[in-house]
Amino acid sequence: MSRAESMSRKDKPPLNPPGFLATQDLKDRGWTPTLIGRYLGEHDQTRPNGLRMGRRRLPPVKLYAEARVHEVERDDTFLAAQARAADARERAERNRAVREARREALLQAAAQSYTPAIHPEPLRKGAVKKAREPYMEGLEAALGRLQREIEKLTVKEDARLGELLRERLDEALAATYAWYPSPHQPPPEADAPARKKGKAKASDWREWDWE
Protein backbone atom coordinates (compact mmCIF):
# COMPACT_ATOMS: atom_id res chain seq x y z
CA MET A 1 0.00 0.00 0.00
CA SER A 2 1.35 3.42 -0.94
CA ARG A 3 1.86 6.19 1.62
CA ALA A 4 -0.86 8.27 -0.06
CA GLU A 5 -3.34 5.38 0.17
CA SER A 6 -2.39 4.82 3.81
CA MET A 7 -2.95 8.49 4.65
CA SER A 8 -6.23 8.49 2.75
CA ARG A 9 -7.52 5.51 4.74
CA LYS A 10 -6.25 6.97 8.00
CA ASP A 11 -7.96 10.33 7.38
CA LYS A 12 -11.22 8.78 6.19
CA PRO A 13 -13.95 9.34 8.78
CA PRO A 14 -15.19 6.17 10.52
CA LEU A 15 -18.43 4.70 9.21
CA ASN A 16 -21.46 3.72 11.22
CA PRO A 17 -21.83 -0.05 11.70
CA PRO A 18 -24.68 -1.59 9.68
CA GLY A 19 -28.09 -1.08 11.21
CA PHE A 20 -27.22 2.06 13.19
CA LEU A 21 -27.77 5.80 12.70
CA ALA A 22 -25.64 8.55 14.22
CA THR A 23 -27.04 11.69 15.80
CA GLN A 24 -26.24 13.68 12.64
CA ASP A 25 -28.17 11.13 10.58
CA LEU A 26 -31.19 11.70 12.81
CA LYS A 27 -30.81 15.47 12.43
CA ASP A 28 -30.81 15.06 8.64
CA ARG A 29 -34.10 13.13 9.00
CA GLY A 30 -35.73 16.00 10.91
CA TRP A 31 -35.01 14.93 14.48
CA THR A 32 -34.13 17.46 17.18
CA PRO A 33 -32.27 16.86 20.48
CA THR A 34 -35.62 17.13 22.30
CA LEU A 35 -37.25 14.56 20.02
CA ILE A 36 -34.30 12.20 20.42
CA GLY A 37 -34.45 12.41 24.20
CA ARG A 38 -38.23 12.01 24.31
CA TYR A 39 -38.75 9.21 21.79
CA LEU A 40 -35.45 7.32 21.70
CA GLY A 41 -33.88 7.94 25.09
CA GLU A 42 -30.46 6.42 25.63
CA HIS A 43 -28.34 5.57 22.60
CA ASP A 44 -27.74 1.92 21.72
CA GLN A 45 -24.04 2.03 20.82
CA THR A 46 -21.14 4.36 20.08
CA ARG A 47 -18.31 4.60 17.57
CA PRO A 48 -15.05 6.61 17.61
CA ASN A 49 -15.33 10.23 16.53
CA GLY A 50 -13.25 11.05 13.46
CA LEU A 51 -13.06 14.75 14.39
CA ARG A 52 -10.49 16.39 16.63
CA MET A 53 -10.27 19.67 18.49
CA GLY A 54 -6.58 20.41 18.32
CA ARG A 55 -4.88 17.24 19.51
CA ARG A 56 -7.90 16.07 21.48
CA ARG A 57 -10.34 13.69 19.84
CA LEU A 58 -13.99 14.59 20.37
CA PRO A 59 -16.30 12.31 22.40
CA PRO A 60 -17.61 9.12 20.76
CA VAL A 61 -20.53 9.41 18.35
CA LYS A 62 -23.83 8.15 19.73
CA LEU A 63 -25.56 5.50 17.62
CA TYR A 64 -29.21 4.48 17.54
CA ALA A 65 -30.62 1.23 16.20
CA GLU A 66 -32.11 1.92 12.80
CA ALA A 67 -35.02 -0.47 13.36
CA ARG A 68 -35.96 1.40 16.55
CA VAL A 69 -35.76 4.76 14.72
CA HIS A 70 -38.02 3.50 11.92
CA GLU A 71 -40.56 2.20 14.42
CA VAL A 72 -40.78 5.60 16.14
CA GLU A 73 -41.01 7.44 12.81
CA ARG A 74 -44.19 5.48 11.98
CA ASP A 75 -45.90 6.71 15.13
CA ASP A 76 -48.49 9.48 14.59
CA THR A 77 -47.63 11.12 17.91
CA PHE A 78 -44.00 11.44 16.88
CA LEU A 79 -44.91 12.74 13.41
CA ALA A 80 -47.08 15.47 14.95
CA ALA A 81 -44.29 16.45 17.37
CA GLN A 82 -41.76 16.49 14.52
CA ALA A 83 -44.04 18.75 12.44
CA ARG A 84 -44.40 21.16 15.36
CA ALA A 85 -40.61 21.19 15.84
CA ALA A 86 -40.10 21.92 12.13
CA ASP A 87 -42.58 24.82 12.28
CA ALA A 88 -40.84 26.24 15.37
CA ARG A 89 -37.46 25.94 13.66
CA GLU A 90 -38.72 27.76 10.55
CA ARG A 91 -40.20 30.56 12.67
CA ALA A 92 -36.94 30.92 14.58
CA GLU A 93 -34.97 31.09 11.33
CA ARG A 94 -37.32 33.74 9.90
CA ASN A 95 -37.14 35.81 13.08
CA ARG A 96 -33.36 35.55 13.10
CA ALA A 97 -33.19 36.67 9.47
CA VAL A 98 -35.40 39.67 10.26
CA ARG A 99 -33.26 40.62 13.27
CA GLU A 100 -30.06 40.32 11.25
CA ALA A 101 -31.50 42.48 8.45
CA ARG A 102 -32.53 45.16 10.95
CA ARG A 103 -29.11 45.16 12.60
CA GLU A 104 -27.38 45.36 9.21
CA ALA A 105 -29.55 48.36 8.29
CA LEU A 106 -28.62 49.94 11.63
CA LEU A 107 -24.91 49.43 10.97
CA GLN A 108 -25.23 50.78 7.43
CA ALA A 109 -26.99 53.91 8.70
CA ALA A 110 -24.41 54.39 11.45
CA ALA A 111 -21.54 54.10 8.97
CA GLN A 112 -23.08 56.89 6.88
CA SER A 113 -22.33 59.31 9.73
CA TYR A 114 -18.62 58.92 8.98
CA THR A 115 -17.63 61.25 6.11
CA PRO A 116 -13.85 61.62 5.88
CA ALA A 117 -12.58 64.86 4.37
CA ILE A 118 -9.71 63.98 2.04
CA HIS A 119 -6.86 66.45 1.46
CA PRO A 120 -5.09 65.49 -1.81
CA GLU A 121 -1.33 65.02 -1.62
CA PRO A 122 1.31 64.42 -4.34
CA LEU A 123 1.47 60.63 -3.95
CA ARG A 124 2.90 58.16 -6.41
CA LYS A 125 0.45 55.88 -8.19
CA GLY A 126 -0.33 52.82 -6.11
CA ALA A 127 0.62 54.30 -2.72
CA VAL A 128 -2.58 52.99 -1.14
CA LYS A 129 -1.18 52.63 2.37
CA LYS A 130 0.25 56.16 2.39
CA ALA A 131 -3.00 57.58 1.08
CA ARG A 132 -5.02 55.86 3.79
CA GLU A 133 -2.63 56.32 6.72
CA PRO A 134 -3.44 59.99 7.63
CA TYR A 135 -7.11 59.13 8.10
CA MET A 136 -6.86 55.98 10.19
CA GLU A 137 -6.88 57.87 13.48
CA GLY A 138 -10.12 59.60 12.50
CA LEU A 139 -11.60 56.28 11.41
CA GLU A 140 -10.73 54.69 14.77
CA ALA A 141 -12.28 57.66 16.58
CA ALA A 142 -15.49 57.30 14.55
CA LEU A 143 -15.53 53.57 15.24
CA GLY A 144 -15.10 54.15 18.98
CA ARG A 145 -17.94 56.67 18.99
CA LEU A 146 -20.31 54.33 17.17
CA GLN A 147 -19.35 51.43 19.44
CA ARG A 148 -20.51 53.49 22.39
CA GLU A 149 -23.71 54.64 20.68
CA ILE A 150 -24.94 51.29 19.33
CA GLU A 151 -26.41 49.08 22.05
CA LYS A 152 -25.60 45.39 22.36
CA LEU A 153 -22.98 45.39 19.60
CA THR A 154 -21.74 41.83 19.07
CA VAL A 155 -18.18 40.90 18.09
CA LYS A 156 -19.38 40.05 14.58
CA GLU A 157 -21.26 43.35 14.27
CA ASP A 158 -18.22 45.24 15.57
CA ALA A 159 -16.10 43.73 12.82
CA ARG A 160 -18.80 44.52 10.25
CA LEU A 161 -18.99 48.13 11.43
CA GLY A 162 -15.22 48.53 11.04
CA GLU A 163 -15.48 47.05 7.55
CA LEU A 164 -18.20 49.54 6.58
CA LEU A 165 -16.16 52.49 7.86
CA ARG A 166 -13.11 51.33 5.90
CA GLU A 167 -15.30 51.11 2.81
CA ARG A 168 -16.41 54.70 3.38
CA LEU A 169 -12.80 55.82 3.66
CA ASP A 170 -11.78 53.88 0.57
CA GLU A 171 -14.69 55.35 -1.40
CA ALA A 172 -13.58 58.88 -0.46
CA LEU A 173 -9.96 58.14 -1.39
CA ALA A 174 -11.01 56.54 -4.70
CA ALA A 175 -12.99 59.69 -5.52
CA THR A 176 -9.86 61.77 -4.85
CA TYR A 177 -7.12 59.66 -6.47
CA ALA A 178 -7.89 58.17 -9.88
CA TRP A 179 -5.53 55.25 -9.24
CA TYR A 180 -6.94 54.34 -5.81
CA PRO A 181 -8.88 51.03 -5.94
CA SER A 182 -12.59 51.40 -5.30
CA PRO A 183 -13.96 48.99 -2.66
CA HIS A 184 -16.79 48.07 -5.05
CA GLN A 185 -14.55 47.42 -8.05
CA PRO A 186 -13.78 43.74 -8.80
CA PRO A 187 -10.11 42.76 -8.31
CA PRO A 188 -7.94 42.75 -11.45
CA GLU A 189 -7.69 38.95 -11.39
CA ALA A 190 -11.42 38.68 -12.10
CA ASP A 191 -10.92 40.20 -15.56
CA ALA A 192 -7.67 38.43 -16.33
CA PRO A 193 -7.80 35.55 -18.84
CA ALA A 194 -7.76 32.09 -17.31
CA ARG A 195 -4.37 30.44 -17.09
CA LYS A 196 -3.69 27.64 -19.49
CA LYS A 197 -4.43 24.25 -18.01
CA GLY A 198 -1.32 22.58 -16.68
CA LYS A 199 0.68 25.80 -16.58
CA ALA A 200 1.36 26.74 -12.96
CA LYS A 201 3.32 29.73 -11.76
CA ALA A 202 5.60 29.84 -8.74
CA SER A 203 3.13 32.11 -6.94
CA ASP A 204 0.18 29.77 -7.49
CA TRP A 205 0.81 27.96 -4.20
CA ARG A 206 -1.02 30.78 -2.41
CA GLU A 207 -4.25 29.76 -4.16
CA TRP A 208 -3.89 25.99 -3.96
CA ASP A 209 -6.11 23.86 -1.74
CA TRP A 210 -3.71 22.07 0.60
CA GLU A 211 -6.31 19.74 2.17
C-alpha atoms as a PDB file:
ATOM      1  CA  MET A   1       0.000   0.000   0.000  1.00  0.00           C
ATOM      2  CA  SER A   2       1.353   3.423  -0.942  1.00  0.00           C
ATOM      3  CA  ARG A   3       1.861   6.188   1.624  1.00  0.00           C
ATOM      4  CA  ALA A   4      -0.861   8.274  -0.062  1.00  0.00           C
ATOM      5  CA  GLU A   5      -3.342   5.375   0.169  1.00  0.00           C
ATOM      6  CA  SER A   6      -2.389   4.824   3.806  1.00  0.00           C
ATOM      7  CA  MET A   7      -2.948   8.486   4.653  1.00  0.00           C
ATOM      8  CA  SER A   8      -6.234   8.491   2.754  1.00  0.00           C
ATOM      9  CA  ARG A   9      -7.517   5.515   4.741  1.00  0.00           C
ATOM     10  CA  LYS A  10      -6.252   6.968   7.999  1.00  0.00           C
ATOM     11  CA  ASP A  11      -7.963  10.332   7.381  1.00  0.00           C
ATOM     12  CA  LYS A  12     -11.222   8.775   6.188  1.00  0.00           C
ATOM     13  CA  PRO A  13     -13.947   9.342   8.779  1.00  0.00           C
ATOM     14  CA  PRO A  14     -15.193   6.170  10.515  1.00  0.00           C
ATOM     15  CA  LEU A  15     -18.426   4.698   9.205  1.00  0.00           C
ATOM     16  CA  ASN A  16     -21.458   3.722  11.216  1.00  0.00           C
ATOM     17  CA  PRO A  17     -21.831  -0.049  11.704  1.00  0.00           C
ATOM     18  CA  PRO A  18     -24.685  -1.593   9.675  1.00  0.00           C
ATOM     19  CA  GLY A  19     -28.091  -1.081  11.208  1.00  0.00           C
ATOM     20  CA  PHE A  20     -27.222   2.061  13.189  1.00  0.00           C
ATOM     21  CA  LEU A  21     -27.768   5.799  12.696  1.00  0.00           C
ATOM     22  CA  ALA A  22     -25.643   8.550  14.221  1.00  0.00           C
ATOM     23  CA  THR A  23     -27.043  11.691  15.800  1.00  0.00           C
ATOM     24  CA  GLN A  24     -26.239  13.679  12.642  1.00  0.00           C
ATOM     25  CA  ASP A  25     -28.172  11.128  10.579  1.00  0.00           C
ATOM     26  CA  LEU A  26     -31.190  11.702  12.811  1.00  0.00           C
ATOM     27  CA  LYS A  27     -30.809  15.469  12.432  1.00  0.00           C
ATOM     28  CA  ASP A  28     -30.812  15.058   8.644  1.00  0.00           C
ATOM     29  CA  ARG A  29     -34.097  13.131   8.999  1.00  0.00           C
ATOM     30  CA  GLY A  30     -35.734  16.003  10.914  1.00  0.00           C
ATOM     31  CA  TRP A  31     -35.007  14.930  14.483  1.00  0.00           C
ATOM     32  CA  THR A  32     -34.126  17.457  17.176  1.00  0.00           C
ATOM     33  CA  PRO A  33     -32.268  16.858  20.479  1.00  0.00           C
ATOM     34  CA  THR A  34     -35.623  17.127  22.304  1.00  0.00           C
ATOM     35  CA  LEU A  35     -37.252  14.556  20.019  1.00  0.00           C
ATOM     36  CA  ILE A  36     -34.301  12.197  20.416  1.00  0.00           C
ATOM     37  CA  GLY A  37     -34.451  12.406  24.195  1.00  0.00           C
ATOM     38  CA  ARG A  38     -38.226  12.012  24.314  1.00  0.00           C
ATOM     39  CA  TYR A  39     -38.754   9.206  21.787  1.00  0.00           C
ATOM     40  CA  LEU A  40     -35.447   7.320  21.702  1.00  0.00           C
ATOM     41  CA  GLY A  41     -33.879   7.944  25.089  1.00  0.00           C
ATOM     42  CA  GLU A  42     -30.456   6.420  25.633  1.00  0.00           C
ATOM     43  CA  HIS A  43     -28.337   5.574  22.601  1.00  0.00           C
ATOM     44  CA  ASP A  44     -27.741   1.922  21.719  1.00  0.00           C
ATOM     45  CA  GLN A  45     -24.041   2.030  20.817  1.00  0.00           C
ATOM     46  CA  THR A  46     -21.136   4.363  20.082  1.00  0.00           C
ATOM     47  CA  ARG A  47     -18.311   4.602  17.567  1.00  0.00           C
ATOM     48  CA  PRO A  48     -15.046   6.608  17.615  1.00  0.00           C
ATOM     49  CA  ASN A  49     -15.328  10.228  16.527  1.00  0.00           C
ATOM     50  CA  GLY A  50     -13.249  11.051  13.462  1.00  0.00           C
ATOM     51  CA  LEU A  51     -13.060  14.753  14.388  1.00  0.00           C
ATOM     52  CA  ARG A  52     -10.491  16.391  16.627  1.00  0.00           C
ATOM     53  CA  MET A  53     -10.266  19.671  18.492  1.00  0.00           C
ATOM     54  CA  GLY A  54      -6.575  20.413  18.322  1.00  0.00           C
ATOM     55  CA  ARG A  55      -4.881  17.236  19.513  1.00  0.00           C
ATOM     56  CA  ARG A  56      -7.900  16.073  21.478  1.00  0.00           C
ATOM     57  CA  ARG A  57     -10.344  13.694  19.838  1.00  0.00           C
ATOM     58  CA  LEU A  58     -13.987  14.587  20.371  1.00  0.00           C
ATOM     59  CA  PRO A  59     -16.297  12.309  22.403  1.00  0.00           C
ATOM     60  CA  PRO A  60     -17.611   9.116  20.760  1.00  0.00           C
ATOM     61  CA  VAL A  61     -20.527   9.410  18.349  1.00  0.00           C
ATOM     62  CA  LYS A  62     -23.830   8.146  19.733  1.00  0.00           C
ATOM     63  CA  LEU A  63     -25.561   5.505  17.617  1.00  0.00           C
ATOM     64  CA  TYR A  64     -29.209   4.479  17.545  1.00  0.00           C
ATOM     65  CA  ALA A  65     -30.619   1.228  16.202  1.00  0.00           C
ATOM     66  CA  GLU A  66     -32.108   1.918  12.799  1.00  0.00           C
ATOM     67  CA  ALA A  67     -35.023  -0.471  13.364  1.00  0.00           C
ATOM     68  CA  ARG A  68     -35.963   1.405  16.552  1.00  0.00           C
ATOM     69  CA  VAL A  69     -35.760   4.756  14.723  1.00  0.00           C
ATOM     70  CA  HIS A  70     -38.017   3.502  11.916  1.00  0.00           C
ATOM     71  CA  GLU A  71     -40.555   2.204  14.423  1.00  0.00           C
ATOM     72  CA  VAL A  72     -40.776   5.598  16.137  1.00  0.00           C
ATOM     73  CA  GLU A  73     -41.013   7.436  12.813  1.00  0.00           C
ATOM     74  CA  ARG A  74     -44.186   5.479  11.981  1.00  0.00           C
ATOM     75  CA  ASP A  75     -45.901   6.707  15.132  1.00  0.00           C
ATOM     76  CA  ASP A  76     -48.493   9.480  14.595  1.00  0.00           C
ATOM     77  CA  THR A  77     -47.628  11.123  17.911  1.00  0.00           C
ATOM     78  CA  PHE A  78     -44.003  11.440  16.881  1.00  0.00           C
ATOM     79  CA  LEU A  79     -44.913  12.742  13.410  1.00  0.00           C
ATOM     80  CA  ALA A  80     -47.078  15.469  14.953  1.00  0.00           C
ATOM     81  CA  ALA A  81     -44.294  16.450  17.372  1.00  0.00           C
ATOM     82  CA  GLN A  82     -41.756  16.487  14.517  1.00  0.00           C
ATOM     83  CA  ALA A  83     -44.036  18.750  12.440  1.00  0.00           C
ATOM     84  CA  ARG A  84     -44.396  21.163  15.362  1.00  0.00           C
ATOM     85  CA  ALA A  85     -40.613  21.188  15.845  1.00  0.00           C
ATOM     86  CA  ALA A  86     -40.097  21.918  12.128  1.00  0.00           C
ATOM     87  CA  ASP A  87     -42.576  24.818  12.280  1.00  0.00           C
ATOM     88  CA  ALA A  88     -40.843  26.236  15.369  1.00  0.00           C
ATOM     89  CA  ARG A  89     -37.458  25.944  13.660  1.00  0.00           C
ATOM     90  CA  GLU A  90     -38.723  27.762  10.549  1.00  0.00           C
ATOM     91  CA  ARG A  91     -40.202  30.558  12.673  1.00  0.00           C
ATOM     92  CA  ALA A  92     -36.945  30.918  14.582  1.00  0.00           C
ATOM     93  CA  GLU A  93     -34.972  31.093  11.332  1.00  0.00           C
ATOM     94  CA  ARG A  94     -37.318  33.738   9.897  1.00  0.00           C
ATOM     95  CA  ASN A  95     -37.144  35.805  13.084  1.00  0.00           C
ATOM     96  CA  ARG A  96     -33.356  35.548  13.103  1.00  0.00           C
ATOM     97  CA  ALA A  97     -33.186  36.674   9.470  1.00  0.00           C
ATOM     98  CA  VAL A  98     -35.396  39.673  10.263  1.00  0.00           C
ATOM     99  CA  ARG A  99     -33.263  40.617  13.265  1.00  0.00           C
ATOM    100  CA  GLU A 100     -30.058  40.319  11.251  1.00  0.00           C
ATOM    101  CA  ALA A 101     -31.504  42.476   8.454  1.00  0.00           C
ATOM    102  CA  ARG A 102     -32.534  45.161  10.953  1.00  0.00           C
ATOM    103  CA  ARG A 103     -29.106  45.155  12.602  1.00  0.00           C
ATOM    104  CA  GLU A 104     -27.382  45.356   9.208  1.00  0.00           C
ATOM    105  CA  ALA A 105     -29.555  48.362   8.292  1.00  0.00           C
ATOM    106  CA  LEU A 106     -28.622  49.943  11.635  1.00  0.00           C
ATOM    107  CA  LEU A 107     -24.906  49.431  10.969  1.00  0.00           C
ATOM    108  CA  GLN A 108     -25.228  50.783   7.434  1.00  0.00           C
ATOM    109  CA  ALA A 109     -26.988  53.911   8.697  1.00  0.00           C
ATOM    110  CA  ALA A 110     -24.411  54.388  11.452  1.00  0.00           C
ATOM    111  CA  ALA A 111     -21.535  54.104   8.973  1.00  0.00           C
ATOM    112  CA  GLN A 112     -23.075  56.890   6.877  1.00  0.00           C
ATOM    113  CA  SER A 113     -22.333  59.310   9.728  1.00  0.00           C
ATOM    114  CA  TYR A 114     -18.617  58.921   8.982  1.00  0.00           C
ATOM    115  CA  THR A 115     -17.634  61.245   6.115  1.00  0.00           C
ATOM    116  CA  PRO A 116     -13.851  61.622   5.881  1.00  0.00           C
ATOM    117  CA  ALA A 117     -12.583  64.858   4.368  1.00  0.00           C
ATOM    118  CA  ILE A 118      -9.710  63.982   2.041  1.00  0.00           C
ATOM    119  CA  HIS A 119      -6.864  66.450   1.456  1.00  0.00           C
ATOM    120  CA  PRO A 120      -5.091  65.488  -1.810  1.00  0.00           C
ATOM    121  CA  GLU A 121      -1.328  65.024  -1.620  1.00  0.00           C
ATOM    122  CA  PRO A 122       1.311  64.423  -4.340  1.00  0.00           C
ATOM    123  CA  LEU A 123       1.473  60.630  -3.945  1.00  0.00           C
ATOM    124  CA  ARG A 124       2.896  58.159  -6.409  1.00  0.00           C
ATOM    125  CA  LYS A 125       0.451  55.880  -8.191  1.00  0.00           C
ATOM    126  CA  GLY A 126      -0.329  52.820  -6.114  1.00  0.00           C
ATOM    127  CA  ALA A 127       0.619  54.297  -2.723  1.00  0.00           C
ATOM    128  CA  VAL A 128      -2.577  52.990  -1.144  1.00  0.00           C
ATOM    129  CA  LYS A 129      -1.184  52.629   2.370  1.00  0.00           C
ATOM    130  CA  LYS A 130       0.254  56.157   2.391  1.00  0.00           C
ATOM    131  CA  ALA A 131      -2.997  57.579   1.078  1.00  0.00           C
ATOM    132  CA  ARG A 132      -5.021  55.857   3.787  1.00  0.00           C
ATOM    133  CA  GLU A 133      -2.631  56.321   6.716  1.00  0.00           C
ATOM    134  CA  PRO A 134      -3.442  59.986   7.631  1.00  0.00           C
ATOM    135  CA  TYR A 135      -7.114  59.130   8.095  1.00  0.00           C
ATOM    136  CA  MET A 136      -6.859  55.977  10.186  1.00  0.00           C
ATOM    137  CA  GLU A 137      -6.880  57.872  13.478  1.00  0.00           C
ATOM    138  CA  GLY A 138     -10.123  59.604  12.501  1.00  0.00           C
ATOM    139  CA  LEU A 139     -11.599  56.276  11.407  1.00  0.00           C
ATOM    140  CA  GLU A 140     -10.730  54.692  14.766  1.00  0.00           C
ATOM    141  CA  ALA A 141     -12.283  57.659  16.576  1.00  0.00           C
ATOM    142  CA  ALA A 142     -15.486  57.304  14.550  1.00  0.00           C
ATOM    143  CA  LEU A 143     -15.528  53.566  15.245  1.00  0.00           C
ATOM    144  CA  GLY A 144     -15.101  54.146  18.976  1.00  0.00           C
ATOM    145  CA  ARG A 145     -17.942  56.671  18.991  1.00  0.00           C
ATOM    146  CA  LEU A 146     -20.311  54.334  17.174  1.00  0.00           C
ATOM    147  CA  GLN A 147     -19.352  51.431  19.441  1.00  0.00           C
ATOM    148  CA  ARG A 148     -20.507  53.492  22.394  1.00  0.00           C
ATOM    149  CA  GLU A 149     -23.709  54.641  20.676  1.00  0.00           C
ATOM    150  CA  ILE A 150     -24.942  51.290  19.328  1.00  0.00           C
ATOM    151  CA  GLU A 151     -26.413  49.083  22.046  1.00  0.00           C
ATOM    152  CA  LYS A 152     -25.599  45.391  22.362  1.00  0.00           C
ATOM    153  CA  LEU A 153     -22.975  45.386  19.604  1.00  0.00           C
ATOM    154  CA  THR A 154     -21.739  41.834  19.073  1.00  0.00           C
ATOM    155  CA  VAL A 155     -18.184  40.897  18.088  1.00  0.00           C
ATOM    156  CA  LYS A 156     -19.377  40.051  14.578  1.00  0.00           C
ATOM    157  CA  GLU A 157     -21.257  43.354  14.274  1.00  0.00           C
ATOM    158  CA  ASP A 158     -18.225  45.244  15.574  1.00  0.00           C
ATOM    159  CA  ALA A 159     -16.098  43.731  12.822  1.00  0.00           C
ATOM    160  CA  ARG A 160     -18.797  44.522  10.247  1.00  0.00           C
ATOM    161  CA  LEU A 161     -18.986  48.133  11.432  1.00  0.00           C
ATOM    162  CA  GLY A 162     -15.224  48.534  11.043  1.00  0.00           C
ATOM    163  CA  GLU A 163     -15.478  47.053   7.550  1.00  0.00           C
ATOM    164  CA  LEU A 164     -18.199  49.544   6.579  1.00  0.00           C
ATOM    165  CA  LEU A 165     -16.156  52.492   7.863  1.00  0.00           C
ATOM    166  CA  ARG A 166     -13.107  51.334   5.899  1.00  0.00           C
ATOM    167  CA  GLU A 167     -15.299  51.109   2.811  1.00  0.00           C
ATOM    168  CA  ARG A 168     -16.408  54.701   3.378  1.00  0.00           C
ATOM    169  CA  LEU A 169     -12.802  55.821   3.655  1.00  0.00           C
ATOM    170  CA  ASP A 170     -11.776  53.880   0.567  1.00  0.00           C
ATOM    171  CA  GLU A 171     -14.693  55.353  -1.396  1.00  0.00           C
ATOM    172  CA  ALA A 172     -13.582  58.878  -0.457  1.00  0.00           C
ATOM    173  CA  LEU A 173      -9.960  58.138  -1.388  1.00  0.00           C
ATOM    174  CA  ALA A 174     -11.007  56.540  -4.698  1.00  0.00           C
ATOM    175  CA  ALA A 175     -12.986  59.689  -5.521  1.00  0.00           C
ATOM    176  CA  THR A 176      -9.856  61.774  -4.846  1.00  0.00           C
ATOM    177  CA  TYR A 177      -7.120  59.664  -6.467  1.00  0.00           C
ATOM    178  CA  ALA A 178      -7.895  58.172  -9.878  1.00  0.00           C
ATOM    179  CA  TRP A 179      -5.530  55.245  -9.236  1.00  0.00           C
ATOM    180  CA  TYR A 180      -6.938  54.342  -5.810  1.00  0.00           C
ATOM    181  CA  PRO A 181      -8.877  51.029  -5.943  1.00  0.00           C
ATOM    182  CA  SER A 182     -12.589  51.400  -5.295  1.00  0.00           C
ATOM    183  CA  PRO A 183     -13.963  48.994  -2.656  1.00  0.00           C
ATOM    184  CA  HIS A 184     -16.787  48.075  -5.053  1.00  0.00           C
ATOM    185  CA  GLN A 185     -14.552  47.423  -8.053  1.00  0.00           C
ATOM    186  CA  PRO A 186     -13.777  43.737  -8.802  1.00  0.00           C
ATOM    187  CA  PRO A 187     -10.112  42.759  -8.313  1.00  0.00           C
ATOM    188  CA  PRO A 188      -7.941  42.747 -11.448  1.00  0.00           C
ATOM    189  CA  GLU A 189      -7.688  38.945 -11.386  1.00  0.00           C
ATOM    190  CA  ALA A 190     -11.423  38.680 -12.102  1.00  0.00           C
ATOM    191  CA  ASP A 191     -10.921  40.200 -15.563  1.00  0.00           C
ATOM    192  CA  ALA A 192      -7.666  38.426 -16.325  1.00  0.00           C
ATOM    193  CA  PRO A 193      -7.796  35.554 -18.841  1.00  0.00           C
ATOM    194  CA  ALA A 194      -7.763  32.092 -17.314  1.00  0.00           C
ATOM    195  CA  ARG A 195      -4.365  30.436 -17.092  1.00  0.00           C
ATOM    196  CA  LYS A 196      -3.689  27.641 -19.494  1.00  0.00           C
ATOM    197  CA  LYS A 197      -4.433  24.254 -18.005  1.00  0.00           C
ATOM    198  CA  GLY A 198      -1.322  22.576 -16.676  1.00  0.00           C
ATOM    199  CA  LYS A 199       0.683  25.804 -16.575  1.00  0.00           C
ATOM    200  CA  ALA A 200       1.359  26.738 -12.956  1.00  0.00           C
ATOM    201  CA  LYS A 201       3.317  29.734 -11.759  1.00  0.00           C
ATOM    202  CA  ALA A 202       5.600  29.842  -8.744  1.00  0.00           C
ATOM    203  CA  SER A 203       3.126  32.113  -6.940  1.00  0.00           C
ATOM    204  CA  ASP A 204       0.183  29.770  -7.495  1.00  0.00           C
ATOM    205  CA  TRP A 205       0.809  27.955  -4.196  1.00  0.00           C
ATOM    206  CA  ARG A 206      -1.023  30.778  -2.412  1.00  0.00           C
ATOM    207  CA  GLU A 207      -4.252  29.757  -4.156  1.00  0.00           C
ATOM    208  CA  TRP A 208      -3.889  25.989  -3.958  1.00  0.00           C
ATOM    209  CA  ASP A 209      -6.106  23.855  -1.736  1.00  0.00           C
ATOM    210  CA  TRP A 210      -3.713  22.074   0.601  1.00  0.00           C
ATOM    211  CA  GLU A 211      -6.310  19.741   2.166  1.00  0.00           C
END
